[in-house]
Amino acid sequence: MQALWMVLAAFLFASMGVCVKIASGYFNAAELVFYRGLISIALMWTLARSQGVRLGTQYPGMHAWRSLIGVVSLGAWFYAIGHLPLATAMTLNYMSSVWIAAFFVGGALLAWRPSAANPRPALQGPLVLTVLAGFVGVVLMLRPTIGQTQEQIFAGLVGLMSGMTAAFAYMQVVALSRIGEPETRTVFYFAVGSAVAGGAAMAVAGASAWPGWPALWLLPIGILASGGQLCMTKAYASARTQRGTLVVANLQYSGIVFASLYSVLLFGDHIPPIGWIGMVLIVGSGIVATILRARAAPGTPAEEH
């Protein structure tokens, strides 16, 4: 059942991407972040009450920092979805596992101090190769899907940044989990941060003209995002062994498969063979990075999308 919960979560996240893609024709990224935050606040508040989870926290600073990083990642991801093929934008965001592996390597090098007992840091060969494979995949995937326009090049860089900042946000989620903060509370404060930051960005960038009925696309963005997160949490809670947890964690990449099908069937995007090869490299490196991370830091919470 945990595998089915994760596949369902991946399907809901990919479906949210479809709604974001369509709504991007009527709203800018700041507005999408704002409305997603409002809807998620209502849903997570209702869930917290049903679970008996108090929303008061002793760590407001940690939640504020996690929300700030998460909102930057979410806004960058929504911008990329609006300006790139859906499959490309989704895959770049799922690079977060590879970024986490890169941070592990960089952290080990920064923490190393030469000594007689430790003349050099551990090479961490598998981790380094995983990171390199992931970035080769990015180059292969972006080369055919991004044209020569500055807007598309910029959107590709923003999409890559969404995965990197998602990795930062995930590490903050790990820290909150280790001090005992319930995931429902963490997601609730992220929703609050999204609404506040999105509203502030709207005040600066301006709001789009209200489109009428197409505004209904805003509702499934928040609903599908919250539903995907709940299914993902259920999948991890149902996994009783480390092997089961690894299976669940790696099944999140089925979201790229769903996004690719949506991209081709709904939006008519053409992904050439070199793009598919790049996508496979990113998925493979993400799976290996997830396995290596689980061995180095077991019991870490689920990633968010």
Protein backbone atom coordinates (compact mmCIF):
# COMPACT_ATOMS: atom_id res chain seq x y z
CA MET A 1 0.00 0.00 0.00
CA GLN A 2 2.84 2.42 0.74
CA ALA A 3 3.96 2.13 -2.90
CA LEU A 4 0.46 2.97 -4.13
CA TRP A 5 0.26 5.97 -1.80
CA MET A 6 3.52 7.33 -3.21
CA VAL A 7 2.48 6.78 -6.83
CA LEU A 8 -0.77 8.57 -6.06
CA ALA A 9 1.20 11.44 -4.47
CA ALA A 10 3.39 11.70 -7.58
CA PHE A 11 0.30 11.73 -9.80
CA LEU A 12 -1.28 14.52 -7.73
CA PHE A 13 1.89 16.65 -7.85
CA ALA A 14 2.14 16.19 -11.63
CA SER A 15 -1.56 17.08 -11.98
CA MET A 16 -0.92 20.20 -9.90
CA GLY A 17 1.78 21.08 -12.44
CA VAL A 18 -0.82 20.89 -15.21
CA CYS A 19 -3.08 23.31 -13.33
CA VAL A 20 -0.15 25.67 -12.71
CA LYS A 21 0.75 25.52 -16.41
CA ILE A 22 -2.78 26.48 -17.44
CA ALA A 23 -3.24 29.10 -14.71
CA SER A 24 0.08 30.70 -15.70
CA GLY A 25 -1.69 32.04 -18.76
CA TYR A 26 -3.81 34.23 -16.49
CA PHE A 27 -1.72 34.82 -13.34
CA ASN A 28 1.95 35.50 -12.60
CA ALA A 29 4.06 33.28 -10.34
CA ALA A 30 3.59 35.55 -7.28
CA GLU A 31 -0.19 35.28 -7.57
CA LEU A 32 -0.04 31.50 -7.93
CA VAL A 33 2.11 31.23 -4.80
CA PHE A 34 -0.29 33.52 -2.91
CA TYR A 35 -3.46 31.64 -3.82
CA ARG A 36 -1.82 28.24 -3.28
CA GLY A 37 -0.85 29.43 0.20
CA LEU A 38 -4.37 30.62 1.04
CA ILE A 39 -5.98 27.35 -0.03
CA SER A 40 -3.36 25.26 1.77
CA ILE A 41 -3.83 27.28 4.98
CA ALA A 42 -7.51 26.33 5.07
CA LEU A 43 -6.83 22.67 4.28
CA MET A 44 -3.93 22.25 6.72
CA TRP A 45 -5.79 24.08 9.51
CA THR A 46 -8.72 21.68 9.04
CA LEU A 47 -6.36 18.70 9.03
CA ALA A 48 -4.55 19.90 12.17
CA ARG A 49 -7.85 20.20 14.02
CA SER A 50 -8.93 16.71 12.95
CA GLN A 51 -5.59 15.27 14.10
CA GLY A 52 -5.53 17.22 17.35
CA VAL A 53 -2.24 18.92 16.35
CA ARG A 54 -1.64 22.31 18.01
CA LEU A 55 -0.44 24.96 15.57
CA GLY A 56 1.44 26.99 18.18
CA THR A 57 5.20 26.51 17.98
CA GLN A 58 8.27 27.19 20.11
CA TYR A 59 10.45 27.60 17.02
CA PRO A 60 8.97 30.49 14.98
CA GLY A 61 12.38 31.49 13.63
CA MET A 62 13.07 28.04 12.16
CA HIS A 63 9.62 27.95 10.56
CA ALA A 64 10.11 31.45 9.14
CA TRP A 65 13.47 30.48 7.60
CA ARG A 66 12.07 27.24 6.18
CA SER A 67 9.09 29.13 4.74
CA LEU A 68 11.30 31.80 3.17
CA ILE A 69 13.48 29.24 1.37
CA GLY A 70 10.47 27.14 0.42
CA VAL A 71 8.61 30.11 -1.05
CA VAL A 72 11.63 31.04 -3.19
CA SER A 73 11.75 27.46 -4.45
CA LEU A 74 8.00 27.33 -5.07
CA GLY A 75 7.95 30.65 -6.93
CA ALA A 76 10.90 29.61 -9.09
CA TRP A 77 9.22 26.28 -9.87
CA PHE A 78 5.92 27.91 -10.83
CA TYR A 79 7.75 30.40 -13.05
CA ALA A 80 9.61 27.55 -14.77
CA ILE A 81 6.38 25.61 -15.32
CA GLY A 82 4.84 28.65 -16.96
CA HIS A 83 7.75 29.18 -19.40
CA LEU A 84 9.14 25.68 -20.07
CA PRO A 85 7.69 22.33 -21.14
CA LEU A 86 6.01 20.76 -18.11
CA ALA A 87 8.29 17.69 -18.17
CA THR A 88 11.40 19.89 -18.14
CA ALA A 89 10.22 22.09 -15.27
CA MET A 90 9.12 19.10 -13.17
CA THR A 91 12.41 17.27 -13.71
CA LEU A 92 14.49 20.30 -12.75
CA ASN A 93 12.59 20.55 -9.46
CA TYR A 94 13.16 16.85 -8.75
CA MET A 95 16.90 17.59 -8.95
CA SER A 96 16.66 18.44 -5.24
CA SER A 97 17.98 15.00 -4.23
CA VAL A 98 21.07 15.50 -6.38
CA TRP A 99 21.58 18.98 -4.89
CA ILE A 100 21.39 17.48 -1.39
CA ALA A 101 24.10 14.99 -2.38
CA ALA A 102 26.20 17.88 -3.70
CA PHE A 103 25.78 19.69 -0.38
CA PHE A 104 26.91 16.57 1.48
CA VAL A 105 30.09 16.44 -0.60
CA GLY A 106 30.72 20.17 -0.21
CA GLY A 107 30.00 20.04 3.52
CA ALA A 108 32.50 17.21 4.02
CA LEU A 109 35.19 19.20 2.19
CA LEU A 110 34.48 22.38 4.16
CA ALA A 111 34.50 20.53 7.49
CA TRP A 112 37.78 18.71 6.78
CA ARG A 113 40.83 19.87 8.67
CA PRO A 114 44.23 18.36 7.72
CA SER A 115 45.82 16.23 10.43
CA ALA A 116 48.12 13.24 10.77
CA ALA A 117 45.15 10.98 11.49
CA ASN A 118 43.06 12.43 8.67
CA PRO A 119 45.37 13.64 5.87
CA ARG A 120 42.54 14.02 3.36
CA PRO A 121 38.72 13.89 3.39
CA ALA A 122 36.82 10.81 2.28
CA LEU A 123 36.56 10.82 -1.50
CA GLN A 124 32.88 9.76 -1.45
CA GLY A 125 33.26 8.45 -5.00
CA PRO A 126 29.67 7.17 -5.48
CA LEU A 127 28.25 10.47 -4.25
CA VAL A 128 30.48 12.53 -6.53
CA LEU A 129 29.65 10.38 -9.56
CA THR A 130 25.94 10.65 -8.72
CA VAL A 131 26.13 14.45 -8.63
CA LEU A 132 28.08 14.59 -11.91
CA ALA A 133 25.59 12.26 -13.63
CA GLY A 134 22.72 14.46 -12.47
CA PHE A 135 24.25 17.61 -13.91
CA VAL A 136 25.11 15.87 -17.19
CA GLY A 137 21.44 14.96 -17.34
CA VAL A 138 20.48 18.61 -16.86
CA VAL A 139 22.71 19.67 -19.77
CA LEU A 140 21.30 16.98 -22.06
CA MET A 141 17.71 17.75 -21.13
CA LEU A 142 17.92 21.53 -21.37
CA ARG A 143 19.91 21.67 -24.59
CA PRO A 144 17.08 20.51 -26.89
CA THR A 145 14.14 21.97 -24.96
CA ILE A 146 15.44 25.51 -24.47
CA GLY A 147 15.63 27.64 -27.60
CA GLN A 148 17.79 30.64 -28.21
CA THR A 149 15.49 33.21 -26.60
CA GLN A 150 16.72 34.88 -23.44
CA GLU A 151 13.38 34.20 -21.75
CA GLN A 152 13.72 30.43 -22.16
CA ILE A 153 17.35 30.43 -21.03
CA PHE A 154 16.39 32.46 -17.96
CA ALA A 155 13.46 30.12 -17.22
CA GLY A 156 15.82 27.12 -17.40
CA LEU A 157 18.16 28.72 -14.86
CA VAL A 158 15.22 29.59 -12.62
CA GLY A 159 13.98 25.99 -12.83
CA LEU A 160 17.42 24.72 -11.87
CA MET A 161 17.41 27.13 -8.92
CA SER A 162 14.03 25.76 -7.81
CA GLY A 163 15.61 22.34 -7.28
CA MET A 164 18.58 23.81 -5.43
CA THR A 165 16.46 25.90 -3.05
CA ALA A 166 14.13 22.91 -2.56
CA ALA A 167 17.17 21.03 -1.25
CA PHE A 168 17.89 23.85 1.23
CA ALA A 169 14.25 23.82 2.34
CA TYR A 170 14.34 20.03 2.77
CA MET A 171 17.34 20.23 5.07
CA GLN A 172 15.43 22.73 7.20
CA VAL A 173 12.45 20.35 7.27
CA VAL A 174 14.82 17.62 8.52
CA ALA A 175 15.97 19.93 11.31
CA LEU A 176 12.36 20.70 12.31
CA SER A 177 11.50 17.00 12.27
CA ARG A 178 14.41 16.15 14.55
CA ILE A 179 13.30 18.64 17.19
CA GLY A 180 9.84 17.08 17.20
CA GLU A 181 7.75 19.44 15.06
CA PRO A 182 4.79 17.59 13.44
CA GLU A 183 4.77 17.68 9.67
CA THR A 184 1.24 19.10 9.64
CA ARG A 185 2.46 22.13 11.61
CA THR A 186 5.49 22.56 9.35
CA VAL A 187 3.37 22.45 6.18
CA PHE A 188 0.83 24.85 7.75
CA TYR A 189 3.49 27.49 8.44
CA PHE A 190 4.88 27.01 4.95
CA ALA A 191 1.39 27.76 3.61
CA VAL A 192 1.25 30.89 5.77
CA GLY A 193 4.66 31.95 4.46
CA SER A 194 3.51 31.35 0.89
CA ALA A 195 0.45 33.55 1.34
CA VAL A 196 2.43 36.35 3.03
CA ALA A 197 5.36 36.30 0.60
CA GLY A 198 3.12 35.88 -2.43
CA GLY A 199 0.97 38.81 -1.30
CA ALA A 200 4.05 40.98 -0.77
CA ALA A 201 5.37 40.08 -4.23
CA MET A 202 1.99 40.90 -5.74
CA ALA A 203 2.11 44.33 -4.12
CA VAL A 204 5.41 44.97 -5.91
CA ALA A 205 4.84 43.19 -9.23
CA GLY A 206 1.17 43.98 -9.52
CA ALA A 207 -1.88 41.76 -9.92
CA SER A 208 -3.29 40.44 -13.17
CA ALA A 209 -6.77 41.33 -14.36
CA TRP A 210 -9.28 38.88 -12.91
CA PRO A 211 -9.99 36.41 -15.74
CA GLY A 212 -13.39 35.18 -14.56
CA TRP A 213 -14.07 31.45 -14.85
CA PRO A 214 -10.44 30.48 -15.62
CA ALA A 215 -9.65 31.57 -12.04
CA LEU A 216 -11.16 28.24 -10.94
CA TRP A 217 -7.85 26.64 -11.95
CA LEU A 218 -6.45 28.14 -8.73
CA LEU A 219 -8.51 25.80 -6.55
CA PRO A 220 -7.01 22.47 -7.70
CA ILE A 221 -3.48 23.88 -7.33
CA GLY A 222 -3.86 24.13 -3.56
CA ILE A 223 -6.03 21.02 -3.23
CA LEU A 224 -3.75 18.78 -5.30
CA ALA A 225 -0.62 20.08 -3.57
CA SER A 226 -2.04 19.36 -0.11
CA GLY A 227 -3.42 16.01 -1.24
CA GLY A 228 -0.05 15.02 -2.71
CA GLN A 229 1.74 15.94 0.50
CA LEU A 230 -0.74 13.95 2.60
CA CYS A 231 -0.40 10.89 0.35
CA MET A 232 3.38 11.16 0.54
CA THR A 233 3.24 11.36 4.34
CA LYS A 234 0.90 8.34 4.40
CA ALA A 235 3.33 6.40 2.18
CA TYR A 236 6.28 7.02 4.49
CA ALA A 237 4.19 6.25 7.59
CA SER A 238 3.13 2.92 6.07
CA ALA A 239 6.71 1.85 5.28
CA ARG A 240 7.80 -0.35 8.18
CA THR A 241 11.34 -1.21 7.08
CA GLN A 242 14.30 0.69 5.65
CA ARG A 243 13.91 -1.19 2.38
CA GLY A 244 10.25 -0.18 2.21
CA THR A 245 11.19 3.43 2.90
CA LEU A 246 13.71 3.37 0.05
CA VAL A 247 11.12 1.94 -2.33
CA VAL A 248 8.69 4.68 -1.34
CA ALA A 249 11.31 7.42 -1.66
CA ASN A 250 12.32 6.31 -5.15
CA LEU A 251 8.76 5.98 -6.39
CA GLN A 252 8.40 9.75 -6.07
CA TYR A 253 10.22 9.95 -9.43
CA SER A 254 7.16 8.45 -11.09
CA GLY A 255 5.97 12.07 -10.98
CA ILE A 256 8.38 12.80 -13.84
CA VAL A 257 6.74 10.02 -15.88
CA PHE A 258 3.27 11.47 -15.26
CA ALA A 259 4.51 14.98 -16.07
CA SER A 260 6.09 13.75 -19.31
CA LEU A 261 2.84 12.10 -20.39
CA TYR A 262 0.91 15.27 -19.58
CA SER A 263 3.52 17.36 -21.41
CA VAL A 264 3.27 15.32 -24.60
CA LEU A 265 -0.45 14.49 -24.59
CA LEU A 266 -1.99 17.71 -23.25
CA PHE A 267 0.44 20.41 -24.36
CA GLY A 268 1.91 18.83 -27.49
CA ASP A 269 5.51 19.24 -26.29
CA HIS A 270 8.16 17.42 -28.30
CA ILE A 271 10.96 15.83 -26.28
CA PRO A 272 13.77 14.56 -28.53
CA PRO A 273 15.81 11.44 -27.67
CA ILE A 274 18.64 13.43 -26.08
CA GLY A 275 16.09 15.03 -23.76
CA TRP A 276 14.77 11.63 -22.67
CA ILE A 277 18.34 10.45 -22.03
CA GLY A 278 18.93 13.49 -19.84
CA MET A 279 15.73 12.82 -17.96
CA VAL A 280 16.72 9.19 -17.34
CA LEU A 281 20.12 10.33 -16.04
CA ILE A 282 18.48 12.76 -13.61
CA VAL A 283 16.01 10.14 -12.37
CA GLY A 284 18.79 7.55 -11.98
CA SER A 285 21.09 9.92 -10.13
CA GLY A 286 18.20 11.04 -7.93
CA ILE A 287 17.43 7.44 -6.98
CA VAL A 288 21.06 6.70 -6.15
CA ALA A 289 21.33 9.96 -4.18
CA THR A 290 18.22 9.01 -2.21
CA ILE A 291 19.68 5.60 -1.35
CA LEU A 292 23.01 7.10 -0.27
CA ARG A 293 21.22 9.74 1.80
CA ALA A 294 19.06 7.12 3.51
CA ARG A 295 22.18 5.18 4.52
CA ALA A 296 23.93 8.29 5.81
CA ALA A 297 20.91 9.79 7.59
CA PRO A 298 18.14 7.21 8.16
CA GLY A 299 14.71 8.29 9.31
CA THR A 300 14.63 11.63 7.48
CA PRO A 301 11.21 12.97 6.45
CA ALA A 302 9.67 13.10 2.99
CA GLU A 303 10.59 15.72 0.45
CA GLU A 304 7.94 18.21 -0.63
CA HIS A 305 6.98 19.30 -4.16
